[in-house]
C-alpha atoms as a PDB file:
ATOM      1  CA  MET A   1       0.000   0.000   0.000  1.00  0.00           C
ATOM      2  CA  LEU A   2       2.821   2.385   0.848  1.00  0.00           C
ATOM      3  CA  SER A   3       4.333   1.920  -2.609  1.00  0.00           C
ATOM      4  CA  THR A   4       1.010   2.765  -4.271  1.00  0.00           C
ATOM      5  CA  LEU A   5       0.543   5.876  -2.194  1.00  0.00           C
ATOM      6  CA  PHE A   6       4.091   6.968  -2.922  1.00  0.00           C
ATOM      7  CA  LEU A   7       3.632   6.590  -6.681  1.00  0.00           C
ATOM      8  CA  LEU A   8       0.459   8.651  -6.516  1.00  0.00           C
ATOM      9  CA  ALA A   9       2.256  11.315  -4.514  1.00  0.00           C
ATOM     10  CA  VAL A  10       5.050  11.681  -7.067  1.00  0.00           C
ATOM     11  CA  ALA A  11       2.694  13.362  -9.514  1.00  0.00           C
ATOM     12  CA  ALA A  12       1.917  16.068  -6.962  1.00  0.00           C
ATOM     13  CA  ARG A  13       5.530  16.577  -5.868  1.00  0.00           C
ATOM     14  CA  ALA A  14       6.520  20.235  -5.673  1.00  0.00           C
ATOM     15  CA  GLU A  15       9.767  21.458  -7.213  1.00  0.00           C
ATOM     16  CA  VAL A  16      12.465  22.650  -4.848  1.00  0.00           C
ATOM     17  CA  GLY A  17      11.972  26.191  -6.133  1.00  0.00           C
ATOM     18  CA  GLU A  18       8.607  26.303  -4.418  1.00  0.00           C
ATOM     19  CA  HIS A  19      10.050  25.613  -0.966  1.00  0.00           C
ATOM     20  CA  ALA A  20      10.854  29.026   0.491  1.00  0.00           C
ATOM     21  CA  ARG A  21      13.230  28.938   3.471  1.00  0.00           C
ATOM     22  CA  LEU A  22      14.000  25.242   3.169  1.00  0.00           C
ATOM     23  CA  SER A  23      16.531  24.360   5.876  1.00  0.00           C
ATOM     24  CA  GLY A  24      16.898  20.655   5.142  1.00  0.00           C
ATOM     25  CA  ILE A  25      15.210  17.307   4.542  1.00  0.00           C
ATOM     26  CA  LEU A  26      13.950  14.927   7.226  1.00  0.00           C
ATOM     27  CA  GLU A  27      13.788  11.166   6.916  1.00  0.00           C
ATOM     28  CA  VAL A  28      10.360   9.893   7.973  1.00  0.00           C
ATOM     29  CA  PRO A  29      10.455   6.062   7.743  1.00  0.00           C
ATOM     30  CA  LYS A  30       6.729   5.600   8.449  1.00  0.00           C
ATOM     31  CA  LEU A  31       5.877   7.639   5.361  1.00  0.00           C
ATOM     32  CA  PHE A  32       8.743   6.990   2.976  1.00  0.00           C
ATOM     33  CA  GLY A  33      10.505   3.842   4.203  1.00  0.00           C
ATOM     34  CA  GLU A  34      14.194   3.543   5.025  1.00  0.00           C
ATOM     35  CA  VAL A  35      17.483   2.707   3.345  1.00  0.00           C
ATOM     36  CA  VAL A  36      18.546  -0.927   3.262  1.00  0.00           C
ATOM     37  CA  PRO A  37      22.315  -1.194   3.962  1.00  0.00           C
ATOM     38  CA  ASN A  38      24.129  -2.467   0.862  1.00  0.00           C
ATOM     39  CA  GLY A  39      20.768  -2.656  -0.895  1.00  0.00           C
ATOM     40  CA  PRO A  40      19.577  -1.117  -4.171  1.00  0.00           C
ATOM     41  CA  PRO A  41      18.812   2.616  -4.541  1.00  0.00           C
ATOM     42  CA  GLY A  42      15.589   3.791  -2.974  1.00  0.00           C
ATOM     43  CA  LEU A  43      13.762   3.124   0.259  1.00  0.00           C
ATOM     44  CA  LYS A  44      12.149  -0.033   1.570  1.00  0.00           C
ATOM     45  CA  PRO A  45       8.757   0.222   3.335  1.00  0.00           C
ATOM     46  CA  VAL A  46       9.268  -0.480   7.039  1.00  0.00           C
ATOM     47  CA  ASN A  47       6.376  -0.477   9.520  1.00  0.00           C
ATOM     48  CA  PRO A  48       4.280   2.059   7.585  1.00  0.00           C
ATOM     49  CA  GLY A  49       1.883   4.018   9.734  1.00  0.00           C
ATOM     50  CA  SER A  50       0.641   7.447  10.697  1.00  0.00           C
ATOM     51  CA  VAL A  51       2.725  10.358  11.956  1.00  0.00           C
ATOM     52  CA  LYS A  52       1.366  12.960  14.369  1.00  0.00           C
ATOM     53  CA  ILE A  53       1.548  16.598  13.319  1.00  0.00           C
ATOM     54  CA  TYR A  54       1.392  19.252  16.055  1.00  0.00           C
ATOM     55  CA  ALA A  55       0.444  22.905  15.694  1.00  0.00           C
ATOM     56  CA  GLN A  56       3.357  23.927  17.938  1.00  0.00           C
ATOM     57  CA  PRO A  57       6.685  22.274  18.828  1.00  0.00           C
ATOM     58  CA  ALA A  58       5.264  20.732  21.994  1.00  0.00           C
ATOM     59  CA  LYS A  59       3.141  17.713  22.880  1.00  0.00           C
ATOM     60  CA  ARG A  60      -0.134  19.402  23.770  1.00  0.00           C
ATOM     61  CA  LYS A  61      -3.560  17.821  23.841  1.00  0.00           C
ATOM     62  CA  TRP A  62      -5.084  20.966  22.351  1.00  0.00           C
ATOM     63  CA  PRO A  63      -5.321  21.574  19.546  1.00  0.00           C
ATOM     64  CA  THR A  64      -5.526  17.848  18.875  1.00  0.00           C
ATOM     65  CA  PRO A  65      -2.600  16.772  16.688  1.00  0.00           C
ATOM     66  CA  LYS A  66      -3.574  15.616  13.226  1.00  0.00           C
ATOM     67  CA  LYS A  67      -2.292  12.394  11.712  1.00  0.00           C
ATOM     68  CA  ILE A  68      -0.839  11.891   8.255  1.00  0.00           C
ATOM     69  CA  ASP A  69      -0.124   8.537   6.664  1.00  0.00           C
ATOM     70  CA  ALA A  70       0.810   9.127   3.016  1.00  0.00           C
ATOM     71  CA  PRO A  71       3.944  10.611   1.383  1.00  0.00           C
ATOM     72  CA  GLY A  72       1.799  13.122  -0.486  1.00  0.00           C
ATOM     73  CA  ASP A  73       0.585  14.631   2.797  1.00  0.00           C
ATOM     74  CA  VAL A  74       3.886  16.524   3.137  1.00  0.00           C
ATOM     75  CA  ALA A  75       6.118  18.453   0.745  1.00  0.00           C
ATOM     76  CA  TYR A  76       9.183  16.374   0.041  1.00  0.00           C
ATOM     77  CA  GLU A  77      12.497  16.300  -1.795  1.00  0.00           C
ATOM     78  CA  GLU A  78      15.174  13.670  -2.276  1.00  0.00           C
ATOM     79  CA  TRP A  79      18.173  13.729   0.058  1.00  0.00           C
ATOM     80  CA  GLY A  80      19.858  10.967  -1.954  1.00  0.00           C
ATOM     81  CA  ASN A  81      19.322   8.680  -4.921  1.00  0.00           C
ATOM     82  CA  GLU A  82      15.580   7.873  -4.940  1.00  0.00           C
ATOM     83  CA  THR A  83      15.390   8.611  -1.206  1.00  0.00           C
ATOM     84  CA  PRO A  84      12.713  11.218  -0.412  1.00  0.00           C
ATOM     85  CA  GLY A  85      12.155  12.959   2.887  1.00  0.00           C
ATOM     86  CA  ALA A  86      10.010  15.759   4.288  1.00  0.00           C
ATOM     87  CA  VAL A  87      11.025  19.344   3.541  1.00  0.00           C
ATOM     88  CA  VAL A  88      11.916  21.142   6.797  1.00  0.00           C
ATOM     89  CA  PHE A  89      11.661  24.890   7.340  1.00  0.00           C
ATOM     90  CA  ARG A  90      12.575  25.349  10.981  1.00  0.00           C
ATOM     91  CA  GLN A  91      13.959  23.370  13.880  1.00  0.00           C
ATOM     92  CA  ARG A  92      13.412  23.473  17.611  1.00  0.00           C
ATOM     93  CA  LYS A  93      15.025  21.116  20.077  1.00  0.00           C
ATOM     94  CA  GLY A  94      13.502  17.736  19.246  1.00  0.00           C
ATOM     95  CA  TRP A  95      11.101  19.157  16.626  1.00  0.00           C
ATOM     96  CA  TYR A  96      10.938  19.866  12.892  1.00  0.00           C
ATOM     97  CA  GLU A  97       8.506  22.166  11.094  1.00  0.00           C
ATOM     98  CA  VAL A  98       7.307  20.694   7.789  1.00  0.00           C
ATOM     99  CA  LYS A  99       5.060  21.813   4.959  1.00  0.00           C
ATOM    100  CA  LEU A 100       1.715  20.020   4.615  1.00  0.00           C
ATOM    101  CA  LYS A 101      -0.886  20.001   1.855  1.00  0.00           C
ATOM    102  CA  ASP A 102      -2.890  22.444   3.945  1.00  0.00           C
ATOM    103  CA  GLY A 103      -0.369  24.524   5.872  1.00  0.00           C
ATOM    104  CA  LYS A 104       2.526  23.663   8.143  1.00  0.00           C
ATOM    105  CA  GLY A 105       3.042  21.610  11.277  1.00  0.00           C
ATOM    106  CA  TRP A 106       5.619  20.127  13.617  1.00  0.00           C
ATOM    107  CA  ILE A 107       6.935  16.550  13.752  1.00  0.00           C
ATOM    108  CA  ASP A 108       8.394  15.134  16.951  1.00  0.00           C
ATOM    109  CA  ALA A 109      11.959  13.942  16.320  1.00  0.00           C
ATOM    110  CA  ALA A 110      11.031  10.662  18.023  1.00  0.00           C
ATOM    111  CA  GLU A 111       8.755   9.885  15.051  1.00  0.00           C
ATOM    112  CA  ALA A 112      11.379  10.733  12.456  1.00  0.00           C
ATOM    113  CA  GLY A 113      14.803   9.651  11.303  1.00  0.00           C
ATOM    114  CA  LYS A 114      17.943  11.548  10.373  1.00  0.00           C
ATOM    115  CA  PHE A 115      17.826  15.241   9.470  1.00  0.00           C
ATOM    116  CA  HIS A 116      19.895  16.340   6.468  1.00  0.00           C
ATOM    117  CA  ALA A 117      20.748  20.027   6.766  1.00  0.00           C
ATOM    118  CA  LEU A 118      20.891  22.141   3.603  1.00  0.00           C
ATOM    119  CA  GLU A 119      24.604  22.825   4.034  1.00  0.00           C
ATOM    120  CA  ASP A 120      25.319  19.094   4.224  1.00  0.00           C
ATOM    121  CA  LEU A 121      23.127  18.232   1.235  1.00  0.00           C
ATOM    122  CA  VAL A 122      24.877  20.639  -1.105  1.00  0.00           C
ATOM    123  CA  ALA A 123      28.346  19.878   0.266  1.00  0.00           C
ATOM    124  CA  GLY A 124      27.948  16.156  -0.270  1.00  0.00           C
ATOM    125  CA  GLY A 125      26.084  16.225  -3.571  1.00  0.00           C
ATOM    126  CA  LEU A 126      26.478  17.423  -7.145  1.00  0.00           C
ATOM    127  CA  ALA A 127      25.644  21.052  -6.410  1.00  0.00           C
ATOM    128  CA  TYR A 128      24.624  23.906  -8.674  1.00  0.00           C
ATOM    129  CA  MET A 129      23.489  27.516  -8.345  1.00  0.00           C
ATOM    130  CA  THR A 130      19.756  27.893  -8.953  1.00  0.00           C
ATOM    131  CA  SER A 131      18.017  30.426 -11.180  1.00  0.00           C
ATOM    132  CA  ASP A 132      16.970  32.350  -8.040  1.00  0.00           C
ATOM    133  CA  TRP A 133      20.610  33.132  -7.140  1.00  0.00           C
ATOM    134  CA  ASP A 134      21.486  36.818  -7.561  1.00  0.00           C
ATOM    135  CA  GLY A 135      24.923  36.066  -9.030  1.00  0.00           C
ATOM    136  CA  GLU A 136      26.794  37.729  -6.143  1.00  0.00           C
ATOM    137  CA  VAL A 137      29.967  36.062  -4.816  1.00  0.00           C
ATOM    138  CA  HIS A 138      31.159  37.915  -1.697  1.00  0.00           C
ATOM    139  CA  GLU A 139      34.652  38.123  -0.230  1.00  0.00           C
ATOM    140  CA  LYS A 140      33.244  37.551   3.276  1.00  0.00           C
ATOM    141  CA  PRO A 141      29.978  36.054   4.607  1.00  0.00           C
ATOM    142  CA  GLU A 142      28.463  39.520   4.957  1.00  0.00           C
ATOM    143  CA  LYS A 143      25.861  41.144   2.721  1.00  0.00           C
ATOM    144  CA  ASP A 144      27.847  44.424   2.537  1.00  0.00           C
ATOM    145  CA  SER A 145      31.127  42.682   1.751  1.00  0.00           C
ATOM    146  CA  PRO A 146      32.715  43.426  -1.657  1.00  0.00           C
ATOM    147  CA  SER A 147      31.445  41.004  -4.275  1.00  0.00           C
ATOM    148  CA  LYS A 148      31.901  39.776  -7.809  1.00  0.00           C
ATOM    149  CA  LYS A 149      28.802  39.700  -9.966  1.00  0.00           C
ATOM    150  CA  LEU A 150      28.254  36.840 -12.388  1.00  0.00           C
ATOM    151  CA  GLU A 151      25.685  36.960 -15.160  1.00  0.00           C
ATOM    152  CA  PRO A 152      22.481  34.967 -14.594  1.00  0.00           C
ATOM    153  CA  GLY A 153      22.997  31.416 -15.770  1.00  0.00           C
ATOM    154  CA  GLY A 154      19.766  29.649 -14.965  1.00  0.00           C
ATOM    155  CA  ASP A 155      20.765  26.373 -13.348  1.00  0.00           C
ATOM    156  CA  GLU A 156      23.927  26.037 -15.426  1.00  0.00           C
ATOM    157  CA  TYR A 157      26.540  27.092 -12.850  1.00  0.00           C
ATOM    158  CA  GLY A 158      28.105  24.220 -10.945  1.00  0.00           C
ATOM    159  CA  ALA A 159      29.215  24.708  -7.342  1.00  0.00           C
ATOM    160  CA  GLN A 160      31.715  23.104  -5.002  1.00  0.00           C
ATOM    161  CA  VAL A 161      30.897  23.859  -1.368  1.00  0.00           C
ATOM    162  CA  LEU A 162      33.960  24.442   0.809  1.00  0.00           C
ATOM    163  CA  SER A 163      32.471  25.508   4.154  1.00  0.00           C
ATOM    164  CA  HIS A 164      29.516  27.291   5.723  1.00  0.00           C
ATOM    165  CA  LYS A 165      28.728  29.890   8.356  1.00  0.00           C
ATOM    166  CA  ARG A 166      25.594  31.222  10.017  1.00  0.00           C
ATOM    167  CA  ASN A 167      25.104  34.807  11.154  1.00  0.00           C
ATOM    168  CA  LYS A 168      22.332  37.394  11.448  1.00  0.00           C
ATOM    169  CA  ASP A 169      21.857  37.281   7.674  1.00  0.00           C
ATOM    170  CA  GLY A 170      21.223  33.529   7.704  1.00  0.00           C
ATOM    171  CA  LEU A 171      23.212  30.680   6.208  1.00  0.00           C
ATOM    172  CA  TRP A 172      26.242  31.455   4.046  1.00  0.00           C
ATOM    173  CA  LEU A 173      28.184  28.984   1.941  1.00  0.00           C
ATOM    174  CA  GLN A 174      31.763  29.319   0.777  1.00  0.00           C
ATOM    175  CA  VAL A 175      31.785  27.981  -2.769  1.00  0.00           C
ATOM    176  CA  ARG A 176      33.771  27.608  -5.948  1.00  0.00           C
ATOM    177  CA  VAL A 177      31.388  28.648  -8.708  1.00  0.00           C
ATOM    178  CA  LEU A 178      32.012  26.661 -11.889  1.00  0.00           C
ATOM    179  CA  ASP A 179      30.911  27.169 -15.471  1.00  0.00           C
ATOM    180  CA  SER A 180      29.114  23.818 -15.420  1.00  0.00           C
ATOM    181  CA  THR A 181      28.303  20.880 -13.163  1.00  0.00           C
ATOM    182  CA  GLY A 182      30.615  18.651 -15.180  1.00  0.00           C
ATOM    183  CA  CYS A 183      27.744  16.466 -16.336  1.00  0.00           C
ATOM    184  CA  GLU A 184      28.171  17.714 -19.889  1.00  0.00           C
ATOM    185  CA  GLY A 185      31.639  16.218 -20.095  1.00  0.00           C
ATOM    186  CA  GLY A 186      35.028  17.858 -19.815  1.00  0.00           C
ATOM    187  CA  GLU A 187      36.505  19.690 -16.845  1.00  0.00           C
ATOM    188  CA  ALA A 188      34.456  22.476 -15.277  1.00  0.00           C
ATOM    189  CA  LYS A 189      36.166  25.879 -15.183  1.00  0.00           C
ATOM    190  CA  GLU A 190      36.247  27.962 -12.001  1.00  0.00           C
ATOM    191  CA  LEU A 191      34.599  31.355 -12.377  1.00  0.00           C
ATOM    192  CA  ALA A 192      34.821  32.662  -8.817  1.00  0.00           C
ATOM    193  CA  THR A 193      35.422  31.582  -5.226  1.00  0.00           C
ATOM    194  CA  GLY A 194      33.785  33.257  -2.264  1.00  0.00           C
ATOM    195  CA  TRP A 195      30.676  33.386  -0.127  1.00  0.00           C
ATOM    196  CA  VAL A 196      27.069  33.187  -1.288  1.00  0.00           C
ATOM    197  CA  ARG A 197      23.848  33.360   0.682  1.00  0.00           C
ATOM    198  CA  ALA A 198      22.124  29.987   0.785  1.00  0.00           C
ATOM    199  CA  HIS A 199      18.736  31.594   0.168  1.00  0.00           C
ATOM    200  CA  ALA A 200      17.797  34.210  -2.398  1.00  0.00           C
ATOM    201  CA  ALA A 201      15.923  37.394  -1.489  1.00  0.00           C
ATOM    202  CA  ASN A 202      12.628  35.618  -2.186  1.00  0.00           C
ATOM    203  CA  GLY A 203      13.502  32.877   0.301  1.00  0.00           C
ATOM    204  CA  ILE A 204      14.101  30.182  -2.320  1.00  0.00           C
ATOM    205  CA  VAL A 205      17.352  28.230  -2.127  1.00  0.00           C
ATOM    206  CA  ALA A 206      20.145  29.800  -4.177  1.00  0.00           C
ATOM    207  CA  ILE A 207      22.061  26.535  -4.319  1.00  0.00           C
ATOM    208  CA  TRP A 208      20.816  22.972  -4.691  1.00  0.00           C
ATOM    209  CA  PHE A 209      22.068  19.566  -5.821  1.00  0.00           C
ATOM    210  CA  HIS A 210      21.287  16.695  -8.168  1.00  0.00           C
ATOM    211  CA  SER A 211      20.200  13.919  -5.817  1.00  0.00           C
ATOM    212  CA  ARG A 212      20.617  11.241  -8.492  1.00  0.00           C
ATOM    213  CA  GLY A 213      23.880  12.541  -9.959  1.00  0.00           C
ATOM    214  CA  CYS A 214      24.285  13.450 -13.618  1.00  0.00           C
END
């Protein structure tokens, strides 16, 4: 049954560009399954069931927490090859705020699996600068720091993430911006190295990754 529900949910899957302020992806085994060590790509259904969604990051009897039991009940993205998880916007100790079909809600960490932070996803994957990126590469992780401006390139710029830092402006990533992801063949050429804001002015991620490689 889980497999059927998942296939139905794929058609309604939102693109990453629609997830403003995405902070990471959360594994939720009851909804998506879990990875089988040394197994094939994808997730294996394991003890499928419902997950409680709370209005606030606390176990309160009121309002009564709702229950979801299908992958399509939450916005999701892949954190690895054919391995989807719930899109997370905010974190509190032991809690994750996720996007639902009809709003947002909080999942207790006890009902979830590993959390993959945005900075880890793009550092460990085949990263690229998204079309929402403003093209600015700063000398320091500060919005008023001197910067080099690159022409808009859609999703064509590749990126190698070197480090990250958080401050009052949010998450910054130190990257090597490349003229391609390398998937087209040949060696990618470095265009600039510096700091970029992880989120564009509209809140959409400025850098993302190809979860399934080239």
